[in-house]
Amino acid sequence: MKTADFIIVLGCKKCGKCDGICETGALTHVDGIASVDHEKCNLCMRCIKVCPNKALVYLD
């Protein structure tokens, strides 16, 4: 299984749009800022698609 190759950039505005969107629990929030557990991420990209601020960026 491939691990996640994307990062969270500083553009996270703490809007909460991605809350609960991750089916594997890889996306969490620390002090309102999104964080990804790369071991749990299955690269479904749901978090990236829902982020209105483009704070989640996939690095191919």
N, C-alpha and C. Protein backbone atom coordinates (compact mmCIF):
# COMPACT_ATOMS: atom_id res chain seq x y z
N MET A 1 0.83 -1.18 0.00
CA MET A 1 0.00 0.00 0.00
C MET A 1 0.88 1.25 0.00
N LYS A 2 0.59 2.17 -0.88
CA LYS A 2 1.34 3.41 -1.00
C LYS A 2 0.97 4.35 0.14
N THR A 3 1.95 5.00 0.73
CA THR A 3 1.64 5.98 1.77
C THR A 3 1.35 7.32 1.12
N ALA A 4 0.72 8.19 1.85
CA ALA A 4 0.32 9.50 1.33
C ALA A 4 1.54 10.34 0.97
N ASP A 5 1.48 10.95 -0.17
CA ASP A 5 2.54 11.84 -0.63
C ASP A 5 2.05 13.28 -0.68
N PHE A 6 1.14 13.65 0.20
CA PHE A 6 0.71 15.04 0.18
C PHE A 6 0.92 15.67 1.54
N ILE A 7 0.94 16.96 1.56
CA ILE A 7 1.21 17.69 2.79
C ILE A 7 0.13 18.72 3.05
N ILE A 8 0.11 19.24 4.23
CA ILE A 8 -0.77 20.34 4.58
C ILE A 8 0.07 21.61 4.49
N VAL A 9 -0.38 22.57 3.75
CA VAL A 9 0.36 23.83 3.64
C VAL A 9 -0.17 24.83 4.67
N LEU A 10 0.50 25.92 4.83
CA LEU A 10 0.14 26.90 5.84
C LEU A 10 -1.17 27.63 5.56
N GLY A 11 -1.80 27.34 4.43
CA GLY A 11 -3.03 28.02 4.06
C GLY A 11 -4.27 27.52 4.78
N CYS A 12 -4.14 26.59 5.72
CA CYS A 12 -5.31 26.08 6.44
C CYS A 12 -5.93 27.23 7.23
N LYS A 13 -7.21 27.51 6.96
CA LYS A 13 -7.93 28.62 7.60
C LYS A 13 -8.82 28.17 8.74
N LYS A 14 -8.72 26.89 9.12
CA LYS A 14 -9.51 26.33 10.22
C LYS A 14 -11.01 26.43 9.96
N CYS A 15 -11.42 26.29 8.71
CA CYS A 15 -12.83 26.45 8.37
C CYS A 15 -13.67 25.24 8.79
N GLY A 16 -13.05 24.07 8.93
CA GLY A 16 -13.75 22.89 9.38
C GLY A 16 -14.48 22.12 8.29
N LYS A 17 -14.38 22.53 7.04
CA LYS A 17 -15.07 21.85 5.94
C LYS A 17 -14.63 20.39 5.81
N CYS A 18 -13.42 20.06 6.22
CA CYS A 18 -12.90 18.70 6.07
C CYS A 18 -13.17 17.83 7.30
N ASP A 19 -13.78 18.41 8.34
CA ASP A 19 -14.08 17.64 9.55
C ASP A 19 -14.94 16.42 9.21
N GLY A 20 -14.48 15.25 9.60
CA GLY A 20 -15.25 14.02 9.42
C GLY A 20 -15.28 13.48 8.01
N ILE A 21 -14.57 14.10 7.06
CA ILE A 21 -14.61 13.68 5.66
C ILE A 21 -13.73 12.44 5.42
N CYS A 22 -12.72 12.23 6.24
CA CYS A 22 -11.77 11.13 6.02
C CYS A 22 -12.34 9.80 6.52
N GLU A 23 -12.47 8.85 5.61
CA GLU A 23 -13.04 7.55 5.96
C GLU A 23 -12.09 6.66 6.75
N THR A 24 -10.80 6.97 6.72
CA THR A 24 -9.83 6.14 7.45
C THR A 24 -9.36 6.80 8.74
N GLY A 25 -9.80 8.01 9.00
CA GLY A 25 -9.38 8.72 10.20
C GLY A 25 -7.98 9.30 10.09
N ALA A 26 -7.46 9.41 8.88
CA ALA A 26 -6.11 9.93 8.69
C ALA A 26 -6.03 11.44 8.87
N LEU A 27 -7.14 12.13 8.62
CA LEU A 27 -7.16 13.58 8.74
C LEU A 27 -7.70 13.97 10.11
N THR A 28 -6.89 14.66 10.87
CA THR A 28 -7.29 15.13 12.18
C THR A 28 -6.98 16.61 12.29
N HIS A 29 -7.37 17.20 13.40
CA HIS A 29 -7.11 18.62 13.61
C HIS A 29 -6.44 18.83 14.96
N VAL A 30 -5.38 19.60 14.95
CA VAL A 30 -4.68 19.97 16.17
C VAL A 30 -4.77 21.49 16.25
N ASP A 31 -5.43 21.98 17.28
CA ASP A 31 -5.67 23.42 17.42
C ASP A 31 -6.34 24.00 16.18
N GLY A 32 -7.19 23.20 15.54
CA GLY A 32 -7.94 23.65 14.37
C GLY A 32 -7.21 23.50 13.06
N ILE A 33 -5.93 23.18 13.08
CA ILE A 33 -5.15 23.02 11.85
C ILE A 33 -5.17 21.56 11.43
N ALA A 34 -5.47 21.30 10.15
CA ALA A 34 -5.54 19.95 9.63
C ALA A 34 -4.16 19.28 9.64
N SER A 35 -4.18 17.97 9.91
CA SER A 35 -2.96 17.17 9.95
C SER A 35 -3.28 15.80 9.37
N VAL A 36 -2.34 15.19 8.66
CA VAL A 36 -2.56 13.90 8.03
C VAL A 36 -1.62 12.85 8.60
N ASP A 37 -2.21 11.70 8.97
CA ASP A 37 -1.43 10.53 9.37
C ASP A 37 -1.17 9.75 8.09
N HIS A 38 0.02 9.85 7.58
CA HIS A 38 0.36 9.26 6.29
C HIS A 38 0.24 7.74 6.26
N GLU A 39 0.32 7.10 7.40
CA GLU A 39 0.18 5.64 7.47
C GLU A 39 -1.28 5.21 7.27
N LYS A 40 -2.22 6.04 7.68
CA LYS A 40 -3.65 5.72 7.56
C LYS A 40 -4.25 6.17 6.24
N CYS A 41 -3.65 7.15 5.59
CA CYS A 41 -4.22 7.74 4.38
C CYS A 41 -4.23 6.74 3.22
N ASN A 42 -5.39 6.65 2.54
CA ASN A 42 -5.50 5.75 1.39
C ASN A 42 -5.58 6.52 0.08
N LEU A 43 -5.24 7.80 0.11
CA LEU A 43 -5.20 8.68 -1.07
C LEU A 43 -6.54 8.79 -1.79
N CYS A 44 -7.63 8.81 -1.05
CA CYS A 44 -8.95 8.95 -1.68
C CYS A 44 -9.17 10.38 -2.20
N MET A 45 -8.46 11.35 -1.66
CA MET A 45 -8.49 12.75 -2.06
C MET A 45 -9.77 13.49 -1.66
N ARG A 46 -10.60 12.89 -0.84
CA ARG A 46 -11.83 13.55 -0.41
C ARG A 46 -11.54 14.86 0.31
N CYS A 47 -10.51 14.88 1.12
CA CYS A 47 -10.16 16.09 1.87
C CYS A 47 -9.71 17.21 0.94
N ILE A 48 -8.96 16.86 -0.07
CA ILE A 48 -8.47 17.85 -1.03
C ILE A 48 -9.64 18.45 -1.80
N LYS A 49 -10.57 17.61 -2.21
CA LYS A 49 -11.72 18.07 -2.99
C LYS A 49 -12.63 19.00 -2.19
N VAL A 50 -12.74 18.80 -0.88
CA VAL A 50 -13.66 19.60 -0.07
C VAL A 50 -13.04 20.89 0.46
N CYS A 51 -11.74 21.02 0.43
CA CYS A 51 -11.06 22.19 1.00
C CYS A 51 -11.24 23.43 0.11
N PRO A 52 -11.96 24.45 0.60
CA PRO A 52 -12.18 25.65 -0.21
C PRO A 52 -10.95 26.55 -0.30
N ASN A 53 -9.97 26.33 0.57
CA ASN A 53 -8.78 27.18 0.59
C ASN A 53 -7.57 26.55 -0.08
N LYS A 54 -7.75 25.35 -0.62
CA LYS A 54 -6.65 24.61 -1.27
C LYS A 54 -5.45 24.45 -0.33
N ALA A 55 -5.76 24.22 0.95
CA ALA A 55 -4.71 24.07 1.96
C ALA A 55 -4.10 22.68 1.92
N LEU A 56 -4.81 21.72 1.35
CA LEU A 56 -4.30 20.35 1.21
C LEU A 56 -3.81 20.20 -0.22
N VAL A 57 -2.54 19.86 -0.37
CA VAL A 57 -1.93 19.79 -1.70
C VAL A 57 -1.34 18.42 -1.92
N TYR A 58 -1.69 17.78 -3.04
CA TYR A 58 -1.13 16.48 -3.39
C TYR A 58 0.18 16.67 -4.12
N LEU A 59 1.22 16.03 -3.64
CA LEU A 59 2.53 16.07 -4.29
C LEU A 59 2.73 14.75 -4.99
N ASP A 60 2.67 14.77 -6.29
CA ASP A 60 2.80 13.56 -7.10
C ASP A 60 4.23 13.10 -7.16
